[in-house]
Amino acid sequence: MYRYVQNSLSKTRIDEQLSGKIHAELARHRIDSDFMPFSSEKELSTLLESLGQSGATTIVVVGDDFDFNIFVGVIGKLDSVTAIGYLPVAKSKIAKNLQIGNWLDAVRALSQRKITEKIIYSIGSRYFYDAVYLSAPESGGSKPKTIKIRTEGNLELSLPLAKIGFENLNEDHYFNNAPIQISAHEPGEIITKKSSLKSKIINVFDKKHQNQGKLMLSLHSKIFNLEGSDNFVDNLGRKYKNTVVVGKNSRKIRIISKKTNQKSN
């Protein structure tokens, strides 16, 4: 049973013509179904809980990488045997990793339903797929003086205000014992107070690698504890409390792809 979820507030809009083409192709492969909308993490979480109880075996995200990462954040609501699909309607780094070229390619992959397993890690009460980035923006006119980082091996570091990135390296066997990489860069240009908080954070990270600021830290561990701000915000605009634990929980997801290291369903 295939079910499709779509962010109704997505920046990537699907017009009637494209929607008709997608549904026609899904119907041709006998995997068509309505696109069920969500407009917030809370609404998506409730929707996934409902889909899990309904016996859906495959849940597909329709949209862009932003929408897919929002979905992965609350994936803890799904049973680990549920297959995850992605139908990108915009240029997509994640789809490229899955060897899916476009939405038509994705429909064909979904119909074949070949599974690749991947381990993902938690950030607070959420999960992240490949990478997530944190920043500590202004709050009440003040900024934290330091950000404290502690690894699983009790290495403790104190950094000045920085942009913090966590990358999932579990597919690289070299990092089996320490699959999460943390990097810290100096903050870039000063952010004005005119735009929304979400826009500020996205603007900080929506830059090419060479514009991310001077590298301050790069190391690996299974678990990181991050402390130093009561308003950490990630690159999707989601807020976190004073202490953020990364990697405390992990889970295996079964994702549909065209990669060569496929595992049969």
C-alpha atoms as a PDB file:
ATOM      1  CA  MET A   1       0.000   0.000   0.000  1.00  0.00           C
ATOM      2  CA  TYR A   2       1.587   3.260  -1.196  1.00  0.00           C
ATOM      3  CA  ARG A   3       0.803   6.535   0.548  1.00  0.00           C
ATOM      4  CA  TYR A   4       2.128   9.979  -0.414  1.00  0.00           C
ATOM      5  CA  VAL A   5       2.720  13.017   1.818  1.00  0.00           C
ATOM      6  CA  GLN A   6       3.271  16.565   0.593  1.00  0.00           C
ATOM      7  CA  ASN A   7       4.224  19.770   2.393  1.00  0.00           C
ATOM      8  CA  SER A   8       1.461  22.245   1.589  1.00  0.00           C
ATOM      9  CA  LEU A   9       3.842  25.107   2.469  1.00  0.00           C
ATOM     10  CA  SER A  10       6.715  23.819   0.338  1.00  0.00           C
ATOM     11  CA  LYS A  11       8.749  26.345  -1.626  1.00  0.00           C
ATOM     12  CA  THR A  12       8.567  23.904  -4.538  1.00  0.00           C
ATOM     13  CA  ARG A  13       5.098  24.210  -5.936  1.00  0.00           C
ATOM     14  CA  ILE A  14       3.391  21.570  -8.085  1.00  0.00           C
ATOM     15  CA  ASP A  15       0.966  23.035 -10.630  1.00  0.00           C
ATOM     16  CA  GLU A  16      -2.065  21.199 -11.958  1.00  0.00           C
ATOM     17  CA  GLN A  17      -0.333  20.178 -15.171  1.00  0.00           C
ATOM     18  CA  LEU A  18       2.629  18.572 -13.393  1.00  0.00           C
ATOM     19  CA  SER A  19       0.351  16.996 -10.795  1.00  0.00           C
ATOM     20  CA  GLY A  20      -1.703  15.419 -13.574  1.00  0.00           C
ATOM     21  CA  LYS A  21       1.406  13.994 -15.241  1.00  0.00           C
ATOM     22  CA  ILE A  22       2.709  12.540 -11.980  1.00  0.00           C
ATOM     23  CA  HIS A  23      -0.600  10.918 -11.056  1.00  0.00           C
ATOM     24  CA  ALA A  24      -0.986   9.510 -14.584  1.00  0.00           C
ATOM     25  CA  GLU A  25       2.450   7.905 -14.388  1.00  0.00           C
ATOM     26  CA  LEU A  26       1.795   6.553 -10.886  1.00  0.00           C
ATOM     27  CA  ALA A  27      -1.517   5.122 -12.093  1.00  0.00           C
ATOM     28  CA  ARG A  28       0.235   3.489 -15.062  1.00  0.00           C
ATOM     29  CA  HIS A  29       2.429   1.638 -12.575  1.00  0.00           C
ATOM     30  CA  ARG A  30      -0.598   0.919 -10.331  1.00  0.00           C
ATOM     31  CA  ILE A  31       0.828   2.767  -7.320  1.00  0.00           C
ATOM     32  CA  ASP A  32      -1.277   5.944  -7.458  1.00  0.00           C
ATOM     33  CA  SER A  33      -2.864   7.535  -4.396  1.00  0.00           C
ATOM     34  CA  ASP A  34      -3.864  10.994  -3.210  1.00  0.00           C
ATOM     35  CA  PHE A  35      -1.115  13.328  -1.958  1.00  0.00           C
ATOM     36  CA  MET A  36      -1.898  13.903   1.713  1.00  0.00           C
ATOM     37  CA  PRO A  37      -0.940  17.419   2.831  1.00  0.00           C
ATOM     38  CA  PHE A  38       0.814  18.578   6.006  1.00  0.00           C
ATOM     39  CA  SER A  39       1.826  22.089   7.017  1.00  0.00           C
ATOM     40  CA  SER A  40       3.891  21.531  10.173  1.00  0.00           C
ATOM     41  CA  GLU A  41       6.021  18.952  11.955  1.00  0.00           C
ATOM     42  CA  LYS A  42       3.221  18.346  14.434  1.00  0.00           C
ATOM     43  CA  GLU A  43       0.687  17.741  11.673  1.00  0.00           C
ATOM     44  CA  LEU A  44       3.107  15.452   9.824  1.00  0.00           C
ATOM     45  CA  SER A  45       3.833  13.504  12.999  1.00  0.00           C
ATOM     46  CA  THR A  46       0.110  12.863  13.523  1.00  0.00           C
ATOM     47  CA  LEU A  47      -0.287  11.909   9.863  1.00  0.00           C
ATOM     48  CA  LEU A  48       2.568   9.383  10.002  1.00  0.00           C
ATOM     49  CA  GLU A  49       1.165   7.859  13.170  1.00  0.00           C
ATOM     50  CA  SER A  50      -2.160   7.418  11.399  1.00  0.00           C
ATOM     51  CA  LEU A  51      -0.525   5.923   8.294  1.00  0.00           C
ATOM     52  CA  GLY A  52       1.447   3.502  10.419  1.00  0.00           C
ATOM     53  CA  GLN A  53      -1.739   2.283  12.048  1.00  0.00           C
ATOM     54  CA  SER A  54      -3.472   1.951   8.668  1.00  0.00           C
ATOM     55  CA  GLY A  55      -0.922  -0.608   7.479  1.00  0.00           C
ATOM     56  CA  ALA A  56       0.790   1.503   4.822  1.00  0.00           C
ATOM     57  CA  THR A  57       3.879  -0.392   3.638  1.00  0.00           C
ATOM     58  CA  THR A  58       5.435   2.426   1.597  1.00  0.00           C
ATOM     59  CA  ILE A  59       5.307   6.134   2.408  1.00  0.00           C
ATOM     60  CA  VAL A  60       6.607   8.574  -0.192  1.00  0.00           C
ATOM     61  CA  VAL A  61       7.612  12.214   0.281  1.00  0.00           C
ATOM     62  CA  VAL A  62       6.620  14.428  -2.657  1.00  0.00           C
ATOM     63  CA  GLY A  63       8.561  17.691  -2.864  1.00  0.00           C
ATOM     64  CA  ASP A  64      12.143  18.853  -2.406  1.00  0.00           C
ATOM     65  CA  ASP A  65      15.059  18.114  -0.067  1.00  0.00           C
ATOM     66  CA  PHE A  66      13.728  20.542   2.558  1.00  0.00           C
ATOM     67  CA  ASP A  67      10.449  18.592   2.677  1.00  0.00           C
ATOM     68  CA  PHE A  68      12.270  15.246   2.776  1.00  0.00           C
ATOM     69  CA  ASN A  69      14.422  16.357   5.717  1.00  0.00           C
ATOM     70  CA  ILE A  70      11.356  17.574   7.627  1.00  0.00           C
ATOM     71  CA  PHE A  71       9.854  14.119   7.054  1.00  0.00           C
ATOM     72  CA  VAL A  72      12.994  12.312   8.289  1.00  0.00           C
ATOM     73  CA  GLY A  73      12.931  14.458  11.429  1.00  0.00           C
ATOM     74  CA  VAL A  74       9.750  12.770  12.667  1.00  0.00           C
ATOM     75  CA  ILE A  75      10.357   9.354  11.142  1.00  0.00           C
ATOM     76  CA  GLY A  76      10.384   7.854  14.649  1.00  0.00           C
ATOM     77  CA  LYS A  77       6.613   7.652  14.321  1.00  0.00           C
ATOM     78  CA  LEU A  78       6.970   4.923  11.691  1.00  0.00           C
ATOM     79  CA  ASP A  79       7.640   1.227  12.080  1.00  0.00           C
ATOM     80  CA  SER A  80      11.178   0.327  11.003  1.00  0.00           C
ATOM     81  CA  VAL A  81       9.866  -2.098   8.341  1.00  0.00           C
ATOM     82  CA  THR A  82       8.008   0.663   6.478  1.00  0.00           C
ATOM     83  CA  ALA A  83       9.669   1.492   3.158  1.00  0.00           C
ATOM     84  CA  ILE A  84      10.447   5.175   2.535  1.00  0.00           C
ATOM     85  CA  GLY A  85      10.239   6.695  -0.933  1.00  0.00           C
ATOM     86  CA  TYR A  86      11.152  10.088  -2.360  1.00  0.00           C
ATOM     87  CA  LEU A  87       9.520  11.713  -5.381  1.00  0.00           C
ATOM     88  CA  PRO A  88      11.538  14.894  -6.044  1.00  0.00           C
ATOM     89  CA  VAL A  89       9.985  17.677  -8.104  1.00  0.00           C
ATOM     90  CA  ALA A  90      13.073  19.915  -7.977  1.00  0.00           C
ATOM     91  CA  LYS A  91      16.836  19.545  -8.294  1.00  0.00           C
ATOM     92  CA  SER A  92      17.807  17.301  -5.398  1.00  0.00           C
ATOM     93  CA  LYS A  93      21.075  16.325  -3.720  1.00  0.00           C
ATOM     94  CA  ILE A  94      19.334  13.496  -1.846  1.00  0.00           C
ATOM     95  CA  ALA A  95      17.742  12.103  -5.018  1.00  0.00           C
ATOM     96  CA  LYS A  96      21.152  12.177  -6.695  1.00  0.00           C
ATOM     97  CA  ASN A  97      22.547  10.108  -3.812  1.00  0.00           C
ATOM     98  CA  LEU A  98      19.728   7.607  -4.410  1.00  0.00           C
ATOM     99  CA  GLN A  99      20.563   7.667  -8.133  1.00  0.00           C
ATOM    100  CA  ILE A 100      17.151   9.116  -8.969  1.00  0.00           C
ATOM    101  CA  GLY A 101      17.381  11.664 -11.766  1.00  0.00           C
ATOM    102  CA  ASN A 102      13.908  13.258 -11.695  1.00  0.00           C
ATOM    103  CA  TRP A 103      10.297  12.604 -10.712  1.00  0.00           C
ATOM    104  CA  LEU A 104       9.731  10.238 -13.650  1.00  0.00           C
ATOM    105  CA  ASP A 105      12.806   8.241 -12.687  1.00  0.00           C
ATOM    106  CA  ALA A 106      11.497   8.212  -9.108  1.00  0.00           C
ATOM    107  CA  VAL A 107       8.130   6.750 -10.170  1.00  0.00           C
ATOM    108  CA  ARG A 108       9.896   3.897 -11.932  1.00  0.00           C
ATOM    109  CA  ALA A 109      12.075   3.263  -8.875  1.00  0.00           C
ATOM    110  CA  LEU A 110       9.028   3.307  -6.609  1.00  0.00           C
ATOM    111  CA  SER A 111       7.264   0.712  -8.750  1.00  0.00           C
ATOM    112  CA  GLN A 112      10.315  -1.583  -8.610  1.00  0.00           C
ATOM    113  CA  ARG A 113      10.506  -1.043  -4.842  1.00  0.00           C
ATOM    114  CA  LYS A 114      14.122  -2.070  -4.375  1.00  0.00           C
ATOM    115  CA  ILE A 115      15.339  -1.298  -0.878  1.00  0.00           C
ATOM    116  CA  THR A 116      18.597   0.166   0.399  1.00  0.00           C
ATOM    117  CA  GLU A 117      19.081   0.261   4.162  1.00  0.00           C
ATOM    118  CA  LYS A 118      20.642   3.255   5.860  1.00  0.00           C
ATOM    119  CA  ILE A 119      21.297   4.106   9.512  1.00  0.00           C
ATOM    120  CA  ILE A 120      20.253   7.580  10.596  1.00  0.00           C
ATOM    121  CA  TYR A 121      20.949   9.395  13.872  1.00  0.00           C
ATOM    122  CA  SER A 122      19.018  11.583  16.257  1.00  0.00           C
ATOM    123  CA  ILE A 123      19.424  15.261  16.980  1.00  0.00           C
ATOM    124  CA  GLY A 124      17.454  15.940  20.120  1.00  0.00           C
ATOM    125  CA  SER A 125      14.097  14.237  19.625  1.00  0.00           C
ATOM    126  CA  ARG A 126      14.396  14.346  15.814  1.00  0.00           C
ATOM    127  CA  TYR A 127      16.473  12.463  13.224  1.00  0.00           C
ATOM    128  CA  PHE A 128      18.609  13.667  10.319  1.00  0.00           C
ATOM    129  CA  TYR A 129      19.364  11.907   7.037  1.00  0.00           C
ATOM    130  CA  ASP A 130      22.746  13.118   5.772  1.00  0.00           C
ATOM    131  CA  ALA A 131      23.574  16.374   7.548  1.00  0.00           C
ATOM    132  CA  VAL A 132      22.121  19.036   9.826  1.00  0.00           C
ATOM    133  CA  TYR A 133      23.457  22.456  10.791  1.00  0.00           C
ATOM    134  CA  LEU A 134      22.948  24.506  13.941  1.00  0.00           C
ATOM    135  CA  SER A 135      23.427  28.162  14.749  1.00  0.00           C
ATOM    136  CA  ALA A 136      22.820  30.260  17.851  1.00  0.00           C
ATOM    137  CA  PRO A 137      21.259  33.516  16.641  1.00  0.00           C
ATOM    138  CA  GLU A 138      20.577  36.592  18.697  1.00  0.00           C
ATOM    139  CA  SER A 139      18.043  36.166  21.485  1.00  0.00           C
ATOM    140  CA  GLY A 140      16.912  39.051  23.627  1.00  0.00           C
ATOM    141  CA  GLY A 141      19.780  41.180  22.390  1.00  0.00           C
ATOM    142  CA  SER A 142      22.483  38.799  23.628  1.00  0.00           C
ATOM    143  CA  LYS A 143      24.615  35.977  22.261  1.00  0.00           C
ATOM    144  CA  PRO A 144      26.223  33.084  24.148  1.00  0.00           C
ATOM    145  CA  LYS A 145      29.916  33.636  24.900  1.00  0.00           C
ATOM    146  CA  THR A 146      30.823  29.994  24.295  1.00  0.00           C
ATOM    147  CA  ILE A 147      29.415  26.763  22.915  1.00  0.00           C
ATOM    148  CA  LYS A 148      30.480  23.669  24.867  1.00  0.00           C
ATOM    149  CA  ILE A 149      30.903  20.370  23.046  1.00  0.00           C
ATOM    150  CA  ARG A 150      31.443  16.975  24.690  1.00  0.00           C
ATOM    151  CA  THR A 151      32.116  13.741  22.798  1.00  0.00           C
ATOM    152  CA  GLU A 152      31.302  10.156  23.753  1.00  0.00           C
ATOM    153  CA  GLY A 153      34.893   9.782  25.005  1.00  0.00           C
ATOM    154  CA  ASN A 154      34.384  12.793  27.338  1.00  0.00           C
ATOM    155  CA  LEU A 155      36.554  15.112  25.295  1.00  0.00           C
ATOM    156  CA  GLU A 156      35.305  18.594  26.196  1.00  0.00           C
ATOM    157  CA  LEU A 157      35.788  21.668  24.048  1.00  0.00           C
ATOM    158  CA  SER A 158      34.645  25.262  24.363  1.00  0.00           C
ATOM    159  CA  LEU A 159      34.174  27.324  21.219  1.00  0.00           C
ATOM    160  CA  PRO A 160      33.171  30.910  20.573  1.00  0.00           C
ATOM    161  CA  LEU A 161      29.912  31.480  18.727  1.00  0.00           C
ATOM    162  CA  ALA A 162      30.000  29.226  15.651  1.00  0.00           C
ATOM    163  CA  LYS A 163      27.992  27.500  12.936  1.00  0.00           C
ATOM    164  CA  ILE A 164      27.915  23.808  13.852  1.00  0.00           C
ATOM    165  CA  GLY A 165      27.417  21.006  11.326  1.00  0.00           C
ATOM    166  CA  PHE A 166      26.775  17.287  11.921  1.00  0.00           C
ATOM    167  CA  GLU A 167      27.288  14.840   9.050  1.00  0.00           C
ATOM    168  CA  ASN A 168      26.159  11.200   8.896  1.00  0.00           C
ATOM    169  CA  LEU A 169      29.128   9.106   7.685  1.00  0.00           C
ATOM    170  CA  ASN A 170      27.784   5.639   8.489  1.00  0.00           C
ATOM    171  CA  GLU A 171      28.114   4.479   4.877  1.00  0.00           C
ATOM    172  CA  ASP A 172      31.882   4.897   5.092  1.00  0.00           C
ATOM    173  CA  HIS A 173      33.181   1.769   6.886  1.00  0.00           C
ATOM    174  CA  TYR A 174      36.266   3.687   8.009  1.00  0.00           C
ATOM    175  CA  PHE A 175      34.055   5.579  10.460  1.00  0.00           C
ATOM    176  CA  ASN A 176      32.148   2.605  11.907  1.00  0.00           C
ATOM    177  CA  ASN A 177      33.156   3.454  15.478  1.00  0.00           C
ATOM    178  CA  ALA A 178      32.650   7.203  15.099  1.00  0.00           C
ATOM    179  CA  PRO A 179      30.090   7.728  12.315  1.00  0.00           C
ATOM    180  CA  ILE A 180      29.099  11.325  13.076  1.00  0.00           C
ATOM    181  CA  GLN A 181      31.375  14.172  12.053  1.00  0.00           C
ATOM    182  CA  ILE A 182      31.062  17.559  13.687  1.00  0.00           C
ATOM    183  CA  SER A 183      32.471  20.703  12.109  1.00  0.00           C
ATOM    184  CA  ALA A 184      32.394  24.269  13.354  1.00  0.00           C
ATOM    185  CA  HIS A 185      32.865  27.375  11.239  1.00  0.00           C
ATOM    186  CA  GLU A 186      33.162  30.996  12.243  1.00  0.00           C
ATOM    187  CA  PRO A 187      29.886  32.855  11.765  1.00  0.00           C
ATOM    188  CA  GLY A 188      29.629  34.635   8.429  1.00  0.00           C
ATOM    189  CA  GLU A 189      28.284  38.071   7.822  1.00  0.00           C
ATOM    190  CA  ILE A 190      26.215  39.833  10.470  1.00  0.00           C
ATOM    191  CA  ILE A 191      22.520  39.003  10.106  1.00  0.00           C
ATOM    192  CA  THR A 192      20.098  41.886  10.283  1.00  0.00           C
ATOM    193  CA  LYS A 193      16.925  41.798  12.381  1.00  0.00           C
ATOM    194  CA  LYS A 194      14.629  42.703   9.485  1.00  0.00           C
ATOM    195  CA  SER A 195      13.897  39.204   8.199  1.00  0.00           C
ATOM    196  CA  SER A 196      12.208  36.308  10.003  1.00  0.00           C
ATOM    197  CA  LEU A 197      14.222  34.016  12.266  1.00  0.00           C
ATOM    198  CA  LYS A 198      13.740  31.119   9.842  1.00  0.00           C
ATOM    199  CA  SER A 199      15.003  33.247   6.940  1.00  0.00           C
ATOM    200  CA  LYS A 200      18.016  34.357   8.952  1.00  0.00           C
ATOM    201  CA  ILE A 201      19.086  30.797   9.696  1.00  0.00           C
ATOM    202  CA  ILE A 202      18.501  29.534   6.164  1.00  0.00           C
ATOM    203  CA  ASN A 203      20.497  32.483   4.799  1.00  0.00           C
ATOM    204  CA  VAL A 204      23.414  31.606   7.082  1.00  0.00           C
ATOM    205  CA  PHE A 205      23.667  28.086   5.678  1.00  0.00           C
ATOM    206  CA  ASP A 206      22.357  28.558   2.136  1.00  0.00           C
ATOM    207  CA  LYS A 207      25.798  29.433   0.785  1.00  0.00           C
ATOM    208  CA  LYS A 208      28.521  27.624  -1.098  1.00  0.00           C
ATOM    209  CA  HIS A 209      31.057  25.734   1.012  1.00  0.00           C
ATOM    210  CA  GLN A 210      33.819  28.279   0.445  1.00  0.00           C
ATOM    211  CA  ASN A 211      31.646  31.007   1.969  1.00  0.00           C
ATOM    212  CA  GLN A 212      30.918  29.159   5.204  1.00  0.00           C
ATOM    213  CA  GLY A 213      33.623  30.921   7.215  1.00  0.00           C
ATOM    214  CA  LYS A 214      36.933  29.739   8.631  1.00  0.00           C
ATOM    215  CA  LEU A 215      36.957  26.136   9.901  1.00  0.00           C
ATOM    216  CA  MET A 216      37.363  26.033  13.684  1.00  0.00           C
ATOM    217  CA  LEU A 217      36.781  22.340  14.471  1.00  0.00           C
ATOM    218  CA  SER A 218      36.354  18.952  12.795  1.00  0.00           C
ATOM    219  CA  LEU A 219      36.194  15.605  14.626  1.00  0.00           C
ATOM    220  CA  HIS A 220      34.243  12.326  14.852  1.00  0.00           C
ATOM    221  CA  SER A 221      32.283  10.525  17.553  1.00  0.00           C
ATOM    222  CA  LYS A 222      29.177   8.394  18.104  1.00  0.00           C
ATOM    223  CA  ILE A 223      27.539  10.932  20.389  1.00  0.00           C
ATOM    224  CA  PHE A 224      27.918  14.685  20.885  1.00  0.00           C
ATOM    225  CA  ASN A 225      26.502  16.878  23.629  1.00  0.00           C
ATOM    226  CA  LEU A 226      26.149  20.517  22.652  1.00  0.00           C
ATOM    227  CA  GLU A 227      25.466  23.256  25.196  1.00  0.00           C
ATOM    228  CA  GLY A 228      25.580  27.010  25.277  1.00  0.00           C
ATOM    229  CA  SER A 229      22.399  28.566  23.895  1.00  0.00           C
ATOM    230  CA  ASP A 230      18.706  28.390  24.724  1.00  0.00           C
ATOM    231  CA  ASN A 231      17.752  28.972  21.106  1.00  0.00           C
ATOM    232  CA  PHE A 232      19.811  26.775  18.802  1.00  0.00           C
ATOM    233  CA  VAL A 233      18.123  26.752  15.397  1.00  0.00           C
ATOM    234  CA  ASP A 234      18.913  24.363  12.539  1.00  0.00           C
ATOM    235  CA  ASN A 235      19.035  24.972   8.787  1.00  0.00           C
ATOM    236  CA  LEU A 236      15.349  24.002   8.500  1.00  0.00           C
ATOM    237  CA  GLY A 237      14.341  26.663  11.009  1.00  0.00           C
ATOM    238  CA  ARG A 238      13.621  24.215  13.862  1.00  0.00           C
ATOM    239  CA  LYS A 239      14.437  25.294  17.422  1.00  0.00           C
ATOM    240  CA  TYR A 240      16.326  23.370  20.111  1.00  0.00           C
ATOM    241  CA  LYS A 241      16.757  23.850  23.855  1.00  0.00           C
ATOM    242  CA  ASN A 242      19.930  24.693  25.790  1.00  0.00           C
ATOM    243  CA  THR A 243      21.435  21.182  25.564  1.00  0.00           C
ATOM    244  CA  VAL A 244      21.313  19.248  22.292  1.00  0.00           C
ATOM    245  CA  VAL A 245      22.361  15.582  22.199  1.00  0.00           C
ATOM    246  CA  VAL A 246      23.322  14.271  18.756  1.00  0.00           C
ATOM    247  CA  GLY A 247      23.571  10.517  18.102  1.00  0.00           C
ATOM    248  CA  LYS A 248      21.950   9.294  21.322  1.00  0.00           C
ATOM    249  CA  ASN A 249      19.506   7.246  19.243  1.00  0.00           C
ATOM    250  CA  SER A 250      19.919   5.595  15.866  1.00  0.00           C
ATOM    251  CA  ARG A 251      17.614   3.615  13.648  1.00  0.00           C
ATOM    252  CA  LYS A 252      17.701   1.785  10.345  1.00  0.00           C
ATOM    253  CA  ILE A 253      15.484   3.033   7.553  1.00  0.00           C
ATOM    254  CA  ARG A 254      14.533   1.161   4.390  1.00  0.00           C
ATOM    255  CA  ILE A 255      14.657   3.620   1.524  1.00  0.00           C
ATOM    256  CA  ILE A 256      13.752   3.010  -2.117  1.00  0.00           C
ATOM    257  CA  SER A 257      16.562   3.848  -4.519  1.00  0.00           C
ATOM    258  CA  LYS A 258      18.306   2.790  -7.728  1.00  0.00           C
ATOM    259  CA  LYS A 259      21.691   2.373  -6.044  1.00  0.00           C
ATOM    260  CA  THR A 260      23.667  -0.734  -6.894  1.00  0.00           C
ATOM    261  CA  ASN A 261      23.934  -1.962  -3.309  1.00  0.00           C
ATOM    262  CA  GLN A 262      20.228  -2.771  -3.211  1.00  0.00           C
ATOM    263  CA  LYS A 263      18.630  -5.296  -0.912  1.00  0.00           C
ATOM    264  CA  SER A 264      15.579  -7.089  -2.229  1.00  0.00           C
ATOM    265  CA  ASN A 265      12.321  -6.448  -0.433  1.00  0.00           C
END
